[in-house]
Amino acid sequence: AVSEGVVYFGSDDGYLYALELTVLDCRKKIKTDDMIWSSPAVSDGVIYTGGEGGYLYALDINTGQEKWKLWLKTYNDVSSSPAVSGCVVYFGSYDGHLYAVDINTGQEKWKFKTGGWVESSPAVSDGVVYFGSYDGHLYAVDINTGKEEWKFKTGGWVRSSPAVSDGVVYFGSYDGYLYALK
């Protein structure tokens, strides 16, 4: 993630790094309990990122202090990059769920079960969160209820992260196709 001239990224060494783009110097190095495999999201002064031990972290962008961390209790990786919309952060896990978590409290609002890993990073548009699963589906889930709106079956894993533009959802699948769904 890039915010105010700083790029944020995680590493297998368990640190979240903050580099100033103008000088390419390490501005900050934040220790976590995990290898950081997801790309962080930055929203309203908070960095959200997932770790390989099943944690989602919320860290203050200025101090690096932990605001909260949520442990999924499954020991499954969170390599899906979080998406923040309103007061909710959405992310997937190797436990096969997409999670919706309150950004203020770190409390789970709901989780949605798929038939495979959720490594795809979610996209939120018009009250719906879109994401793929290793079960070969792209899912559309209502952001308020966590209930499935629809799903689309492909011929392979859906590891790619969807993009939404003008009401069309674009994503790729391991079946070799790029899909555009309206």
N, C-alpha and C. Protein backbone atom coordinates (compact mmCIF):
# COMPACT_ATOMS: atom_id res chain seq x y z
N ALA A 1 0.86 -1.18 0.00
CA ALA A 1 0.00 0.00 0.00
C ALA A 1 0.90 1.24 0.00
N VAL A 2 0.41 2.29 -0.61
CA VAL A 2 1.13 3.56 -0.63
C VAL A 2 0.20 4.62 -0.06
N SER A 3 0.72 5.40 0.89
CA SER A 3 -0.05 6.48 1.50
C SER A 3 0.89 7.61 1.90
N GLU A 4 0.59 8.81 1.44
CA GLU A 4 1.34 10.02 1.78
C GLU A 4 2.85 9.86 1.58
N GLY A 5 3.23 9.33 0.43
CA GLY A 5 4.64 9.21 0.07
C GLY A 5 5.39 8.08 0.75
N VAL A 6 4.67 7.16 1.38
CA VAL A 6 5.30 6.03 2.06
C VAL A 6 4.71 4.73 1.51
N VAL A 7 5.57 3.76 1.19
CA VAL A 7 5.11 2.46 0.75
C VAL A 7 5.23 1.48 1.92
N TYR A 8 4.17 0.68 2.13
CA TYR A 8 4.12 -0.28 3.23
C TYR A 8 4.08 -1.68 2.64
N PHE A 9 4.90 -2.58 3.19
CA PHE A 9 4.91 -3.97 2.74
C PHE A 9 5.39 -4.87 3.85
N GLY A 10 4.99 -6.13 3.77
CA GLY A 10 5.38 -7.11 4.77
C GLY A 10 6.45 -8.03 4.25
N SER A 11 6.98 -8.85 5.17
CA SER A 11 8.09 -9.72 4.82
C SER A 11 8.02 -11.01 5.63
N ASP A 12 8.72 -12.04 5.14
CA ASP A 12 8.81 -13.31 5.85
C ASP A 12 9.57 -13.19 7.17
N ASP A 13 10.28 -12.07 7.38
CA ASP A 13 11.01 -11.90 8.64
C ASP A 13 10.09 -11.43 9.78
N GLY A 14 8.79 -11.28 9.48
CA GLY A 14 7.82 -10.90 10.51
C GLY A 14 7.68 -9.41 10.71
N TYR A 15 8.33 -8.61 9.89
CA TYR A 15 8.24 -7.16 10.02
C TYR A 15 7.35 -6.57 8.93
N LEU A 16 6.67 -5.49 9.28
CA LEU A 16 5.99 -4.65 8.32
C LEU A 16 6.87 -3.42 8.13
N TYR A 17 7.24 -3.14 6.90
CA TYR A 17 8.16 -2.04 6.60
C TYR A 17 7.42 -0.83 6.05
N ALA A 18 7.97 0.37 6.33
CA ALA A 18 7.47 1.62 5.79
C ALA A 18 8.66 2.35 5.18
N LEU A 19 8.64 2.51 3.85
CA LEU A 19 9.74 3.17 3.16
C LEU A 19 9.25 4.47 2.54
N GLU A 20 10.02 5.56 2.77
CA GLU A 20 9.70 6.82 2.13
C GLU A 20 10.12 6.73 0.67
N LEU A 21 9.19 7.07 -0.23
CA LEU A 21 9.45 6.94 -1.66
C LEU A 21 10.49 7.93 -2.16
N THR A 22 10.53 9.11 -1.57
CA THR A 22 11.44 10.15 -2.09
C THR A 22 12.90 9.84 -1.80
N VAL A 23 13.18 9.16 -0.71
CA VAL A 23 14.56 8.87 -0.35
C VAL A 23 14.87 7.38 -0.32
N LEU A 24 13.83 6.56 -0.51
CA LEU A 24 13.97 5.10 -0.44
C LEU A 24 14.74 4.67 0.81
N ASP A 25 14.34 5.27 1.92
CA ASP A 25 14.95 4.95 3.21
C ASP A 25 13.89 4.36 4.12
N CYS A 26 14.29 3.41 4.93
CA CYS A 26 13.33 2.75 5.82
C CYS A 26 12.88 3.73 6.90
N ARG A 27 11.62 4.10 6.84
CA ARG A 27 11.04 5.04 7.79
C ARG A 27 10.63 4.32 9.07
N LYS A 28 10.18 3.07 8.91
CA LYS A 28 9.64 2.35 10.05
C LYS A 28 9.74 0.86 9.77
N LYS A 29 9.94 0.10 10.83
CA LYS A 29 9.96 -1.36 10.78
C LYS A 29 9.17 -1.83 11.98
N ILE A 30 7.99 -2.44 11.72
CA ILE A 30 7.05 -2.80 12.79
C ILE A 30 7.07 -4.31 12.95
N LYS A 31 7.43 -4.78 14.15
CA LYS A 31 7.49 -6.22 14.43
C LYS A 31 6.09 -6.78 14.68
N THR A 32 5.82 -7.92 14.03
CA THR A 32 4.58 -8.64 14.26
C THR A 32 4.93 -10.05 14.74
N ASP A 33 3.92 -10.86 14.98
CA ASP A 33 4.14 -12.25 15.41
C ASP A 33 4.18 -13.22 14.24
N ASP A 34 4.11 -12.72 13.02
CA ASP A 34 3.95 -13.56 11.82
C ASP A 34 4.87 -13.13 10.70
N MET A 35 4.99 -14.04 9.70
CA MET A 35 5.47 -13.62 8.40
C MET A 35 4.31 -12.88 7.75
N ILE A 36 4.58 -11.76 7.12
CA ILE A 36 3.53 -10.93 6.51
C ILE A 36 3.47 -11.25 5.03
N TRP A 37 2.36 -11.85 4.61
CA TRP A 37 2.22 -12.27 3.21
C TRP A 37 1.20 -11.44 2.44
N SER A 38 0.35 -10.70 3.11
CA SER A 38 -0.63 -9.90 2.38
C SER A 38 -0.08 -8.49 2.17
N SER A 39 -0.56 -7.85 1.12
CA SER A 39 -0.25 -6.44 0.94
C SER A 39 -1.11 -5.65 1.91
N PRO A 40 -0.54 -4.68 2.61
CA PRO A 40 -1.34 -3.94 3.58
C PRO A 40 -2.33 -2.99 2.91
N ALA A 41 -3.37 -2.67 3.63
CA ALA A 41 -4.31 -1.61 3.26
C ALA A 41 -4.16 -0.50 4.28
N VAL A 42 -4.23 0.74 3.83
CA VAL A 42 -4.12 1.88 4.74
C VAL A 42 -5.41 2.69 4.66
N SER A 43 -6.00 2.97 5.82
CA SER A 43 -7.23 3.75 5.87
C SER A 43 -7.29 4.52 7.18
N ASP A 44 -7.49 5.83 7.08
CA ASP A 44 -7.67 6.70 8.26
C ASP A 44 -6.60 6.49 9.32
N GLY A 45 -5.35 6.44 8.90
CA GLY A 45 -4.25 6.36 9.85
C GLY A 45 -3.99 4.98 10.43
N VAL A 46 -4.59 3.95 9.85
CA VAL A 46 -4.39 2.59 10.33
C VAL A 46 -3.95 1.70 9.18
N ILE A 47 -2.96 0.83 9.46
CA ILE A 47 -2.48 -0.17 8.49
C ILE A 47 -3.12 -1.49 8.85
N TYR A 48 -3.73 -2.16 7.87
CA TYR A 48 -4.32 -3.48 8.06
C TYR A 48 -3.54 -4.47 7.22
N THR A 49 -3.09 -5.57 7.84
CA THR A 49 -2.35 -6.59 7.09
C THR A 49 -2.53 -7.94 7.75
N GLY A 50 -2.39 -8.99 6.95
CA GLY A 50 -2.56 -10.35 7.45
C GLY A 50 -1.23 -11.06 7.60
N GLY A 51 -1.23 -12.12 8.42
CA GLY A 51 -0.01 -12.88 8.66
C GLY A 51 -0.21 -14.36 8.48
N GLU A 52 0.91 -15.08 8.42
CA GLU A 52 0.84 -16.51 8.13
C GLU A 52 0.38 -17.33 9.31
N GLY A 53 0.29 -16.78 10.48
CA GLY A 53 -0.19 -17.53 11.63
C GLY A 53 -1.67 -17.38 11.91
N GLY A 54 -2.40 -16.77 10.98
CA GLY A 54 -3.83 -16.62 11.14
C GLY A 54 -4.26 -15.33 11.82
N TYR A 55 -3.44 -14.29 11.76
CA TYR A 55 -3.76 -13.01 12.37
C TYR A 55 -4.07 -11.95 11.32
N LEU A 56 -4.97 -11.04 11.67
CA LEU A 56 -5.13 -9.78 10.96
C LEU A 56 -4.73 -8.70 11.95
N TYR A 57 -3.84 -7.82 11.52
CA TYR A 57 -3.32 -6.75 12.37
C TYR A 57 -3.90 -5.40 11.96
N ALA A 58 -4.17 -4.55 12.96
CA ALA A 58 -4.51 -3.14 12.76
C ALA A 58 -3.46 -2.35 13.54
N LEU A 59 -2.63 -1.59 12.80
CA LEU A 59 -1.49 -0.89 13.40
C LEU A 59 -1.58 0.60 13.12
N ASP A 60 -1.28 1.41 14.13
CA ASP A 60 -1.27 2.86 13.96
C ASP A 60 -0.17 3.24 12.96
N ILE A 61 -0.53 4.03 11.95
CA ILE A 61 0.41 4.36 10.89
C ILE A 61 1.57 5.23 11.37
N ASN A 62 1.36 6.04 12.41
CA ASN A 62 2.40 6.93 12.89
C ASN A 62 3.33 6.29 13.92
N THR A 63 2.74 5.54 14.85
CA THR A 63 3.54 4.98 15.95
C THR A 63 3.93 3.52 15.74
N GLY A 64 3.17 2.82 14.86
CA GLY A 64 3.41 1.39 14.69
C GLY A 64 2.78 0.55 15.78
N GLN A 65 2.15 1.19 16.75
CA GLN A 65 1.52 0.48 17.85
C GLN A 65 0.31 -0.31 17.36
N GLU A 66 0.15 -1.48 17.95
CA GLU A 66 -0.98 -2.32 17.61
C GLU A 66 -2.27 -1.71 18.15
N LYS A 67 -3.23 -1.48 17.27
CA LYS A 67 -4.56 -1.01 17.69
C LYS A 67 -5.35 -2.23 18.16
N TRP A 68 -5.27 -3.31 17.38
CA TRP A 68 -5.83 -4.60 17.74
C TRP A 68 -5.28 -5.65 16.78
N LYS A 69 -5.42 -6.91 17.16
CA LYS A 69 -5.14 -8.00 16.23
C LYS A 69 -6.18 -9.08 16.46
N LEU A 70 -6.60 -9.67 15.38
CA LEU A 70 -7.62 -10.71 15.43
C LEU A 70 -6.98 -12.03 15.04
N TRP A 71 -7.08 -13.00 15.92
CA TRP A 71 -6.57 -14.34 15.63
C TRP A 71 -7.75 -15.21 15.20
N LEU A 72 -7.60 -15.87 14.06
CA LEU A 72 -8.68 -16.69 13.52
C LEU A 72 -8.81 -18.03 14.21
N LYS A 73 -7.85 -18.37 15.04
CA LYS A 73 -7.85 -19.63 15.80
C LYS A 73 -7.83 -20.86 14.90
N THR A 74 -7.39 -20.69 13.67
CA THR A 74 -7.32 -21.83 12.75
C THR A 74 -5.88 -22.11 12.33
N TYR A 75 -4.98 -21.22 12.65
CA TYR A 75 -3.58 -21.28 12.23
C TYR A 75 -3.44 -21.25 10.71
N ASN A 76 -4.48 -20.85 10.01
CA ASN A 76 -4.41 -20.75 8.56
C ASN A 76 -3.98 -19.35 8.16
N ASP A 77 -3.18 -19.28 7.12
CA ASP A 77 -2.61 -18.02 6.66
C ASP A 77 -3.67 -17.01 6.23
N VAL A 78 -3.33 -15.74 6.45
CA VAL A 78 -4.09 -14.64 5.90
C VAL A 78 -3.17 -13.97 4.89
N SER A 79 -3.25 -14.45 3.64
CA SER A 79 -2.42 -13.86 2.60
C SER A 79 -3.23 -13.00 1.65
N SER A 80 -4.54 -13.01 1.81
CA SER A 80 -5.43 -12.12 1.07
C SER A 80 -5.19 -10.70 1.57
N SER A 81 -5.05 -9.76 0.65
CA SER A 81 -4.86 -8.37 1.06
C SER A 81 -6.20 -7.78 1.48
N PRO A 82 -6.24 -7.12 2.62
CA PRO A 82 -7.50 -6.59 3.13
C PRO A 82 -8.06 -5.46 2.26
N ALA A 83 -9.38 -5.30 2.30
CA ALA A 83 -10.06 -4.17 1.68
C ALA A 83 -10.89 -3.50 2.76
N VAL A 84 -10.77 -2.18 2.86
CA VAL A 84 -11.52 -1.43 3.86
C VAL A 84 -12.61 -0.64 3.16
N SER A 85 -13.82 -0.77 3.68
CA SER A 85 -14.97 -0.02 3.17
C SER A 85 -15.85 0.35 4.35
N GLY A 86 -16.09 1.65 4.52
CA GLY A 86 -16.86 2.11 5.68
C GLY A 86 -16.10 1.76 6.94
N CYS A 87 -16.76 1.14 7.88
CA CYS A 87 -16.15 0.77 9.16
C CYS A 87 -15.81 -0.72 9.22
N VAL A 88 -15.59 -1.34 8.05
CA VAL A 88 -15.35 -2.77 8.00
C VAL A 88 -14.12 -3.06 7.14
N VAL A 89 -13.31 -4.03 7.61
CA VAL A 89 -12.21 -4.54 6.81
C VAL A 89 -12.56 -5.97 6.41
N TYR A 90 -12.37 -6.29 5.12
CA TYR A 90 -12.69 -7.60 4.56
C TYR A 90 -11.40 -8.28 4.15
N PHE A 91 -11.29 -9.59 4.40
CA PHE A 91 -10.10 -10.33 4.00
C PHE A 91 -10.42 -11.82 3.98
N GLY A 92 -9.63 -12.56 3.23
CA GLY A 92 -9.81 -14.01 3.13
C GLY A 92 -8.70 -14.75 3.85
N SER A 93 -8.91 -16.06 4.04
CA SER A 93 -7.95 -16.89 4.75
C SER A 93 -7.87 -18.27 4.10
N TYR A 94 -6.78 -18.95 4.38
CA TYR A 94 -6.63 -20.33 3.91
C TYR A 94 -7.60 -21.27 4.63
N ASP A 95 -8.34 -20.78 5.61
CA ASP A 95 -9.35 -21.63 6.25
C ASP A 95 -10.63 -21.69 5.42
N GLY A 96 -10.65 -21.02 4.25
CA GLY A 96 -11.79 -21.09 3.34
C GLY A 96 -12.88 -20.06 3.60
N HIS A 97 -12.62 -19.07 4.45
CA HIS A 97 -13.61 -18.05 4.78
C HIS A 97 -13.19 -16.68 4.28
N LEU A 98 -14.19 -15.85 3.99
CA LEU A 98 -14.01 -14.42 3.86
C LEU A 98 -14.55 -13.83 5.16
N TYR A 99 -13.79 -12.91 5.76
CA TYR A 99 -14.16 -12.30 7.03
C TYR A 99 -14.52 -10.83 6.84
N ALA A 100 -15.46 -10.37 7.67
CA ALA A 100 -15.80 -8.96 7.79
C ALA A 100 -15.58 -8.59 9.25
N VAL A 101 -14.71 -7.60 9.49
CA VAL A 101 -14.30 -7.25 10.85
C VAL A 101 -14.49 -5.75 11.07
N ASP A 102 -15.03 -5.38 12.21
CA ASP A 102 -15.22 -3.98 12.57
C ASP A 102 -13.84 -3.33 12.76
N ILE A 103 -13.59 -2.22 12.06
CA ILE A 103 -12.26 -1.60 12.13
C ILE A 103 -11.98 -0.92 13.47
N ASN A 104 -13.01 -0.59 14.21
CA ASN A 104 -12.81 0.08 15.50
C ASN A 104 -12.52 -0.89 16.64
N THR A 105 -13.16 -2.05 16.62
CA THR A 105 -13.05 -2.98 17.74
C THR A 105 -12.23 -4.24 17.42
N GLY A 106 -12.07 -4.57 16.13
CA GLY A 106 -11.41 -5.82 15.76
C GLY A 106 -12.30 -7.03 15.94
N GLN A 107 -13.58 -6.81 16.15
CA GLN A 107 -14.54 -7.90 16.35
C GLN A 107 -15.10 -8.37 15.01
N GLU A 108 -15.20 -9.68 14.86
CA GLU A 108 -15.78 -10.27 13.66
C GLU A 108 -17.26 -9.90 13.57
N LYS A 109 -17.67 -9.39 12.40
CA LYS A 109 -19.08 -9.10 12.15
C LYS A 109 -19.76 -10.33 11.55
N TRP A 110 -19.08 -10.95 10.59
CA TRP A 110 -19.56 -12.19 9.99
C TRP A 110 -18.40 -12.85 9.25
N LYS A 111 -18.60 -14.13 8.90
CA LYS A 111 -17.66 -14.82 8.03
C LYS A 111 -18.46 -15.66 7.06
N PHE A 112 -17.91 -15.83 5.85
CA PHE A 112 -18.59 -16.56 4.80
C PHE A 112 -17.72 -17.73 4.37
N LYS A 113 -18.28 -18.93 4.39
CA LYS A 113 -17.54 -20.17 4.09
C LYS A 113 -17.60 -20.49 2.60
N THR A 114 -16.42 -20.81 2.04
CA THR A 114 -16.34 -21.30 0.67
C THR A 114 -15.82 -22.73 0.72
N GLY A 115 -15.63 -23.32 -0.44
CA GLY A 115 -15.13 -24.69 -0.50
C GLY A 115 -13.64 -24.80 -0.73
N GLY A 116 -12.91 -23.70 -0.56
CA GLY A 116 -11.46 -23.72 -0.78
C GLY A 116 -10.80 -22.51 -0.15
N TRP A 117 -9.47 -22.46 -0.27
CA TRP A 117 -8.73 -21.32 0.27
C TRP A 117 -9.25 -20.02 -0.33
N VAL A 118 -9.18 -18.94 0.44
CA VAL A 118 -9.50 -17.61 -0.07
C VAL A 118 -8.22 -16.78 -0.01
N GLU A 119 -7.51 -16.80 -1.12
CA GLU A 119 -6.28 -16.03 -1.27
C GLU A 119 -6.53 -14.75 -2.07
N SER A 120 -7.63 -14.73 -2.79
CA SER A 120 -8.05 -13.58 -3.58
C SER A 120 -8.32 -12.40 -2.65
N SER A 121 -7.87 -11.23 -3.05
CA SER A 121 -8.16 -10.03 -2.27
C SER A 121 -9.52 -9.50 -2.68
N PRO A 122 -10.36 -9.15 -1.70
CA PRO A 122 -11.72 -8.74 -2.02
C PRO A 122 -11.80 -7.35 -2.64
N ALA A 123 -12.88 -7.13 -3.38
CA ALA A 123 -13.22 -5.81 -3.92
C ALA A 123 -14.64 -5.50 -3.47
N VAL A 124 -14.86 -4.27 -3.00
CA VAL A 124 -16.17 -3.87 -2.49
C VAL A 124 -16.75 -2.81 -3.41
N SER A 125 -18.01 -3.03 -3.81
CA SER A 125 -18.69 -2.06 -4.68
C SER A 125 -20.20 -2.18 -4.48
N ASP A 126 -20.85 -1.05 -4.29
CA ASP A 126 -22.32 -0.98 -4.22
C ASP A 126 -22.94 -2.01 -3.27
N GLY A 127 -22.39 -2.13 -2.07
CA GLY A 127 -22.96 -2.98 -1.06
C GLY A 127 -22.66 -4.47 -1.20
N VAL A 128 -21.73 -4.79 -2.08
CA VAL A 128 -21.37 -6.19 -2.33
C VAL A 128 -19.84 -6.33 -2.26
N VAL A 129 -19.38 -7.43 -1.64
CA VAL A 129 -17.96 -7.74 -1.65
C VAL A 129 -17.76 -8.93 -2.59
N TYR A 130 -16.81 -8.79 -3.52
CA TYR A 130 -16.50 -9.80 -4.52
C TYR A 130 -15.14 -10.41 -4.21
N PHE A 131 -15.03 -11.73 -4.35
CA PHE A 131 -13.75 -12.40 -4.10
C PHE A 131 -13.80 -13.79 -4.71
N GLY A 132 -12.62 -14.35 -4.93
CA GLY A 132 -12.51 -15.68 -5.49
C GLY A 132 -12.05 -16.69 -4.46
N SER A 133 -12.20 -17.98 -4.81
CA SER A 133 -11.80 -19.07 -3.93
C SER A 133 -11.14 -20.17 -4.75
N TYR A 134 -10.34 -20.96 -4.08
CA TYR A 134 -9.72 -22.11 -4.73
C TYR A 134 -10.75 -23.18 -5.08
N ASP A 135 -12.01 -23.00 -4.68
CA ASP A 135 -13.05 -23.94 -5.10
C ASP A 135 -13.54 -23.66 -6.52
N GLY A 136 -12.94 -22.64 -7.18
CA GLY A 136 -13.27 -22.33 -8.57
C GLY A 136 -14.39 -21.32 -8.76
N HIS A 137 -14.88 -20.73 -7.70
CA HIS A 137 -15.98 -19.76 -7.80
C HIS A 137 -15.51 -18.33 -7.54
N LEU A 138 -16.19 -17.40 -8.18
CA LEU A 138 -16.16 -16.01 -7.78
C LEU A 138 -17.45 -15.79 -7.01
N TYR A 139 -17.35 -15.19 -5.83
CA TYR A 139 -18.51 -14.96 -4.97
C TYR A 139 -18.86 -13.49 -4.92
N ALA A 140 -20.17 -13.23 -4.77
CA ALA A 140 -20.70 -11.90 -4.50
C ALA A 140 -21.50 -12.02 -3.20
N VAL A 141 -21.06 -11.31 -2.15
CA VAL A 141 -21.66 -11.43 -0.83
C VAL A 141 -22.12 -10.06 -0.34
N ASP A 142 -23.31 -10.00 0.22
CA ASP A 142 -23.85 -8.76 0.77
C ASP A 142 -22.99 -8.30 1.94
N ILE A 143 -22.54 -7.04 1.92
CA ILE A 143 -21.62 -6.56 2.96
C ILE A 143 -22.29 -6.41 4.33
N ASN A 144 -23.60 -6.26 4.37
CA ASN A 144 -24.30 -6.08 5.64
C ASN A 144 -24.66 -7.40 6.32
N THR A 145 -25.09 -8.37 5.52
CA THR A 145 -25.59 -9.63 6.09
C THR A 145 -24.59 -10.78 6.02
N GLY A 146 -23.61 -10.70 5.11
CA GLY A 146 -22.69 -11.81 4.92
C GLY A 146 -23.33 -12.96 4.15
N LYS A 147 -24.46 -12.72 3.53
CA LYS A 147 -25.17 -13.75 2.77
C LYS A 147 -24.77 -13.68 1.29
N GLU A 148 -24.71 -14.85 0.68
CA GLU A 148 -24.36 -14.95 -0.74
C GLU A 148 -25.43 -14.31 -1.61
N GLU A 149 -25.00 -13.42 -2.50
CA GLU A 149 -25.89 -12.85 -3.51
C GLU A 149 -25.92 -13.78 -4.73
N TRP A 150 -24.72 -14.18 -5.16
CA TRP A 150 -24.56 -15.13 -6.25
C TRP A 150 -23.13 -15.63 -6.27
N LYS A 151 -22.90 -16.70 -7.05
CA LYS A 151 -21.55 -17.19 -7.29
C LYS A 151 -21.46 -17.66 -8.73
N PHE A 152 -20.25 -17.63 -9.26
CA PHE A 152 -20.01 -18.02 -10.65
C PHE A 152 -18.90 -19.06 -10.68
N LYS A 153 -19.18 -20.19 -11.30
CA LYS A 153 -18.23 -21.31 -11.36
C LYS A 153 -17.34 -21.17 -12.59
N THR A 154 -16.03 -21.31 -12.36
CA THR A 154 -15.08 -21.33 -13.46
C THR A 154 -14.48 -22.74 -13.55
N GLY A 155 -13.56 -22.92 -14.49
CA GLY A 155 -12.93 -24.23 -14.66
C GLY A 155 -11.64 -24.38 -13.88
N GLY A 156 -11.32 -23.44 -12.99
CA GLY A 156 -10.07 -23.51 -12.22
C GLY A 156 -10.16 -22.66 -10.97
N TRP A 157 -9.07 -22.65 -10.22
CA TRP A 157 -9.02 -21.82 -9.01
C TRP A 157 -9.25 -20.36 -9.37
N VAL A 158 -9.85 -19.62 -8.46
CA VAL A 158 -9.95 -18.17 -8.62
C VAL A 158 -9.09 -17.55 -7.53
N ARG A 159 -7.84 -17.36 -7.89
CA ARG A 159 -6.86 -16.79 -6.98
C ARG A 159 -6.71 -15.29 -7.21
N SER A 160 -7.04 -14.84 -8.42
CA SER A 160 -6.87 -13.43 -8.75
C SER A 160 -7.85 -12.56 -7.97
N SER A 161 -7.51 -11.31 -7.85
CA SER A 161 -8.36 -10.35 -7.14
C SER A 161 -9.25 -9.65 -8.15
N PRO A 162 -10.55 -9.62 -7.89
CA PRO A 162 -11.46 -8.99 -8.84
C PRO A 162 -11.32 -7.47 -8.85
N ALA A 163 -11.68 -6.90 -9.99
CA ALA A 163 -11.78 -5.45 -10.14
C ALA A 163 -13.19 -5.15 -10.62
N VAL A 164 -13.79 -4.08 -10.11
CA VAL A 164 -15.15 -3.72 -10.46
C VAL A 164 -15.15 -2.34 -11.10
N SER A 165 -15.78 -2.23 -12.27
CA SER A 165 -15.89 -0.95 -12.95
C SER A 165 -17.20 -0.90 -13.72
N ASP A 166 -17.96 0.17 -13.51
CA ASP A 166 -19.24 0.36 -14.20
C ASP A 166 -20.16 -0.85 -14.09
N GLY A 167 -20.20 -1.45 -12.91
CA GLY A 167 -21.09 -2.58 -12.67
C GLY A 167 -20.62 -3.91 -13.23
N VAL A 168 -19.41 -3.96 -13.77
CA VAL A 168 -18.85 -5.19 -14.32
C VAL A 168 -17.71 -5.66 -13.42
N VAL A 169 -17.73 -6.96 -13.09
CA VAL A 169 -16.69 -7.57 -12.25
C VAL A 169 -15.72 -8.31 -13.18
N TYR A 170 -14.45 -7.94 -13.12
CA TYR A 170 -13.40 -8.56 -13.94
C TYR A 170 -12.51 -9.40 -13.03
N PHE A 171 -12.18 -10.62 -13.49
CA PHE A 171 -11.28 -11.47 -12.72
C PHE A 171 -10.75 -12.58 -13.62
N GLY A 172 -9.65 -13.16 -13.20
CA GLY A 172 -9.06 -14.27 -13.93
C GLY A 172 -9.19 -15.56 -13.14
N SER A 173 -9.02 -16.68 -13.85
CA SER A 173 -9.10 -18.00 -13.23
C SER A 173 -7.95 -18.84 -13.74
N TYR A 174 -7.60 -19.87 -12.98
CA TYR A 174 -6.56 -20.80 -13.40
C TYR A 174 -6.99 -21.65 -14.58
N ASP A 175 -8.21 -21.47 -15.09
CA ASP A 175 -8.62 -22.15 -16.31
C ASP A 175 -8.12 -21.41 -17.55
N GLY A 176 -7.44 -20.27 -17.32
CA GLY A 176 -6.84 -19.51 -18.43
C GLY A 176 -7.72 -18.43 -19.02
N TYR A 177 -8.86 -18.18 -18.42
CA TYR A 177 -9.78 -17.18 -18.94
C TYR A 177 -9.83 -15.95 -18.06
N LEU A 178 -10.08 -14.80 -18.72
CA LEU A 178 -10.42 -13.57 -18.03
C LEU A 178 -11.93 -13.42 -18.16
N TYR A 179 -12.60 -13.21 -17.05
CA TYR A 179 -14.05 -13.11 -17.04
C TYR A 179 -14.49 -11.67 -16.79
N ALA A 180 -15.63 -11.31 -17.38
CA ALA A 180 -16.29 -10.02 -17.15
C ALA A 180 -17.76 -10.33 -16.89
N LEU A 181 -18.21 -10.15 -15.65
CA LEU A 181 -19.58 -10.48 -15.26
C LEU A 181 -20.36 -9.24 -14.91
N LYS A 182 -21.59 -9.17 -15.39
CA LYS A 182 -22.46 -8.04 -15.08
C LYS A 182 -23.67 -8.50 -14.33
